[in-house]
Amino acid sequence: MNVYPGQHPEGSKERIFKYRICRARRVVENVFGLASSVFRMLRKHVLLEPEKAQLVVITVVCLHNFLRRSPDSAAIYTPPGTFDYEENGRVIEDSWRATSN
């Protein structure tokens, strides 16, 4: 989705929409970056039929969720400092970006 171009007044619908789209994009980039650093097959083109590629992505999502929620693996799979975060309105990039390139 495209955001509204230009600057918008604080509190306007356009500015709120733009912020939410950018934040959602950052969340997706974090998760995909983390997933591709663990599941390395996501780093290149997936040469599968769309139905099979969809199954692969769903499987990766299920494995990701399992590893994040399991108390035994969460500290290993996503230690502190794994995800980007926002501090005083500034995005601080974290470790997955260094390992995914």
C-alpha atoms as a PDB file:
ATOM      1  CA  MET A   1       0.000   0.000   0.000  1.00  0.00           C
ATOM      2  CA  ASN A   2       1.185   3.482  -0.743  1.00  0.00           C
ATOM      3  CA  VAL A   3       1.213   6.129   1.930  1.00  0.00           C
ATOM      4  CA  TYR A   4       0.017   9.677   1.360  1.00  0.00           C
ATOM      5  CA  PRO A   5       2.922  11.721  -0.059  1.00  0.00           C
ATOM      6  CA  GLY A   6       4.163  14.860   1.653  1.00  0.00           C
ATOM      7  CA  GLN A   7       3.821  16.241   5.175  1.00  0.00           C
ATOM      8  CA  HIS A   8       0.506  16.185   7.000  1.00  0.00           C
ATOM      9  CA  PRO A   9      -0.696  17.976  10.149  1.00  0.00           C
ATOM     10  CA  GLU A  10      -0.177  16.116  13.407  1.00  0.00           C
ATOM     11  CA  GLY A  11      -3.247  14.042  14.299  1.00  0.00           C
ATOM     12  CA  SER A  12      -4.682  14.074  10.763  1.00  0.00           C
ATOM     13  CA  LYS A  13      -6.113  10.853   9.319  1.00  0.00           C
ATOM     14  CA  GLU A  14      -3.440  10.827   6.615  1.00  0.00           C
ATOM     15  CA  ARG A  15      -0.575  11.116   9.109  1.00  0.00           C
ATOM     16  CA  ILE A  16      -2.007   8.403  11.376  1.00  0.00           C
ATOM     17  CA  PHE A  17      -2.506   6.108   8.370  1.00  0.00           C
ATOM     18  CA  LYS A  18       1.050   6.755   7.163  1.00  0.00           C
ATOM     19  CA  TYR A  19       2.469   5.994  10.631  1.00  0.00           C
ATOM     20  CA  ARG A  20       0.505   2.746  10.926  1.00  0.00           C
ATOM     21  CA  ILE A  21       1.472   1.537   7.451  1.00  0.00           C
ATOM     22  CA  CYS A  22       5.154   2.285   8.140  1.00  0.00           C
ATOM     23  CA  ARG A  23       4.978   0.535  11.498  1.00  0.00           C
ATOM     24  CA  ALA A  24       3.279  -2.521   9.984  1.00  0.00           C
ATOM     25  CA  ARG A  25       5.935  -2.629   7.265  1.00  0.00           C
ATOM     26  CA  ARG A  26       8.677  -2.514   9.915  1.00  0.00           C
ATOM     27  CA  VAL A  27       7.064  -5.400  11.828  1.00  0.00           C
ATOM     28  CA  VAL A  28       6.835  -7.503   8.661  1.00  0.00           C
ATOM     29  CA  GLU A  29      10.476  -6.726   7.781  1.00  0.00           C
ATOM     30  CA  ASN A  30      11.554  -7.754  11.284  1.00  0.00           C
ATOM     31  CA  VAL A  31       9.746 -11.078  11.127  1.00  0.00           C
ATOM     32  CA  PHE A  32      10.805 -11.863   7.573  1.00  0.00           C
ATOM     33  CA  GLY A  33      14.406 -10.877   8.333  1.00  0.00           C
ATOM     34  CA  LEU A  34      14.453 -13.112  11.375  1.00  0.00           C
ATOM     35  CA  ALA A  35      12.769 -15.977   9.518  1.00  0.00           C
ATOM     36  CA  SER A  36      15.162 -15.718   6.571  1.00  0.00           C
ATOM     37  CA  SER A  37      18.173 -15.698   8.886  1.00  0.00           C
ATOM     38  CA  VAL A  38      16.950 -18.977  10.416  1.00  0.00           C
ATOM     39  CA  PHE A  39      15.178 -20.571   7.435  1.00  0.00           C
ATOM     40  CA  ARG A  40      17.777 -19.820   4.792  1.00  0.00           C
ATOM     41  CA  MET A  41      15.647 -21.057   1.895  1.00  0.00           C
ATOM     42  CA  LEU A  42      13.773 -17.730   2.140  1.00  0.00           C
ATOM     43  CA  ARG A  43      16.908 -15.833   1.058  1.00  0.00           C
ATOM     44  CA  LYS A  44      16.510 -16.756  -2.597  1.00  0.00           C
ATOM     45  CA  HIS A  45      13.690 -17.235  -5.064  1.00  0.00           C
ATOM     46  CA  VAL A  46      11.277 -19.983  -4.071  1.00  0.00           C
ATOM     47  CA  LEU A  47      11.022 -22.051  -7.241  1.00  0.00           C
ATOM     48  CA  LEU A  48       7.784 -23.844  -6.426  1.00  0.00           C
ATOM     49  CA  GLU A  49       4.227 -23.834  -7.642  1.00  0.00           C
ATOM     50  CA  PRO A  50       2.226 -21.135  -5.832  1.00  0.00           C
ATOM     51  CA  GLU A  51       0.273 -23.698  -3.794  1.00  0.00           C
ATOM     52  CA  LYS A  52       3.467 -25.400  -2.577  1.00  0.00           C
ATOM     53  CA  ALA A  53       5.161 -22.050  -1.887  1.00  0.00           C
ATOM     54  CA  GLN A  54       2.140 -21.094   0.200  1.00  0.00           C
ATOM     55  CA  LEU A  55       2.504 -24.318   2.219  1.00  0.00           C
ATOM     56  CA  VAL A  56       6.206 -23.593   2.764  1.00  0.00           C
ATOM     57  CA  VAL A  57       5.470 -20.068   4.021  1.00  0.00           C
ATOM     58  CA  ILE A  58       2.680 -21.306   6.304  1.00  0.00           C
ATOM     59  CA  THR A  59       5.045 -23.969   7.675  1.00  0.00           C
ATOM     60  CA  VAL A  60       7.754 -21.356   8.338  1.00  0.00           C
ATOM     61  CA  VAL A  61       5.191 -19.158  10.131  1.00  0.00           C
ATOM     62  CA  CYS A  62       4.033 -22.103  12.274  1.00  0.00           C
ATOM     63  CA  LEU A  63       7.628 -23.027  13.153  1.00  0.00           C
ATOM     64  CA  HIS A  64       8.434 -19.392  13.937  1.00  0.00           C
ATOM     65  CA  ASN A  65       5.399 -19.104  16.236  1.00  0.00           C
ATOM     66  CA  PHE A  66       6.222 -22.401  17.938  1.00  0.00           C
ATOM     67  CA  LEU A  67       9.836 -21.379  18.562  1.00  0.00           C
ATOM     68  CA  ARG A  68       8.773 -17.952  19.868  1.00  0.00           C
ATOM     69  CA  ARG A  69       6.149 -19.355  22.247  1.00  0.00           C
ATOM     70  CA  SER A  70       8.044 -22.343  23.588  1.00  0.00           C
ATOM     71  CA  PRO A  71       9.767 -21.314  26.847  1.00  0.00           C
ATOM     72  CA  ASP A  72      12.690 -23.640  26.111  1.00  0.00           C
ATOM     73  CA  SER A  73      13.481 -22.212  22.677  1.00  0.00           C
ATOM     74  CA  ALA A  74      12.354 -18.567  22.870  1.00  0.00           C
ATOM     75  CA  ALA A  75      15.541 -17.358  24.598  1.00  0.00           C
ATOM     76  CA  ILE A  76      17.683 -19.098  21.963  1.00  0.00           C
ATOM     77  CA  TYR A  77      15.581 -18.329  18.877  1.00  0.00           C
ATOM     78  CA  THR A  78      14.902 -14.658  19.674  1.00  0.00           C
ATOM     79  CA  PRO A  79      17.265 -13.406  22.374  1.00  0.00           C
ATOM     80  CA  PRO A  80      16.989  -9.799  23.561  1.00  0.00           C
ATOM     81  CA  GLY A  81      18.097  -7.401  20.824  1.00  0.00           C
ATOM     82  CA  THR A  82      16.637  -9.496  18.014  1.00  0.00           C
ATOM     83  CA  PHE A  83      13.996  -7.066  16.772  1.00  0.00           C
ATOM     84  CA  ASP A  84      14.097  -3.423  15.718  1.00  0.00           C
ATOM     85  CA  TYR A  85      12.554  -1.086  18.250  1.00  0.00           C
ATOM     86  CA  GLU A  86      11.633   2.555  18.535  1.00  0.00           C
ATOM     87  CA  GLU A  87      13.292   4.857  21.054  1.00  0.00           C
ATOM     88  CA  ASN A  88      12.352   8.547  21.271  1.00  0.00           C
ATOM     89  CA  GLY A  89      10.803   8.353  17.791  1.00  0.00           C
ATOM     90  CA  ARG A  90      13.979   6.880  16.275  1.00  0.00           C
ATOM     91  CA  VAL A  91      14.131   3.307  14.932  1.00  0.00           C
ATOM     92  CA  ILE A  92      16.994   1.266  16.398  1.00  0.00           C
ATOM     93  CA  GLU A  93      17.962  -1.600  14.073  1.00  0.00           C
ATOM     94  CA  ASP A  94      18.890  -4.901  15.616  1.00  0.00           C
ATOM     95  CA  SER A  95      20.972  -7.991  15.033  1.00  0.00           C
ATOM     96  CA  TRP A  96      19.013  -9.872  12.335  1.00  0.00           C
ATOM     97  CA  ARG A  97      19.934  -7.203   9.773  1.00  0.00           C
ATOM     98  CA  ALA A  98      23.630  -7.990  10.167  1.00  0.00           C
ATOM     99  CA  THR A  99      23.138 -11.750   9.719  1.00  0.00           C
ATOM    100  CA  SER A 100      20.592 -11.682   6.879  1.00  0.00           C
ATOM    101  CA  ASN A 101      22.805  -9.976   4.259  1.00  0.00           C
END
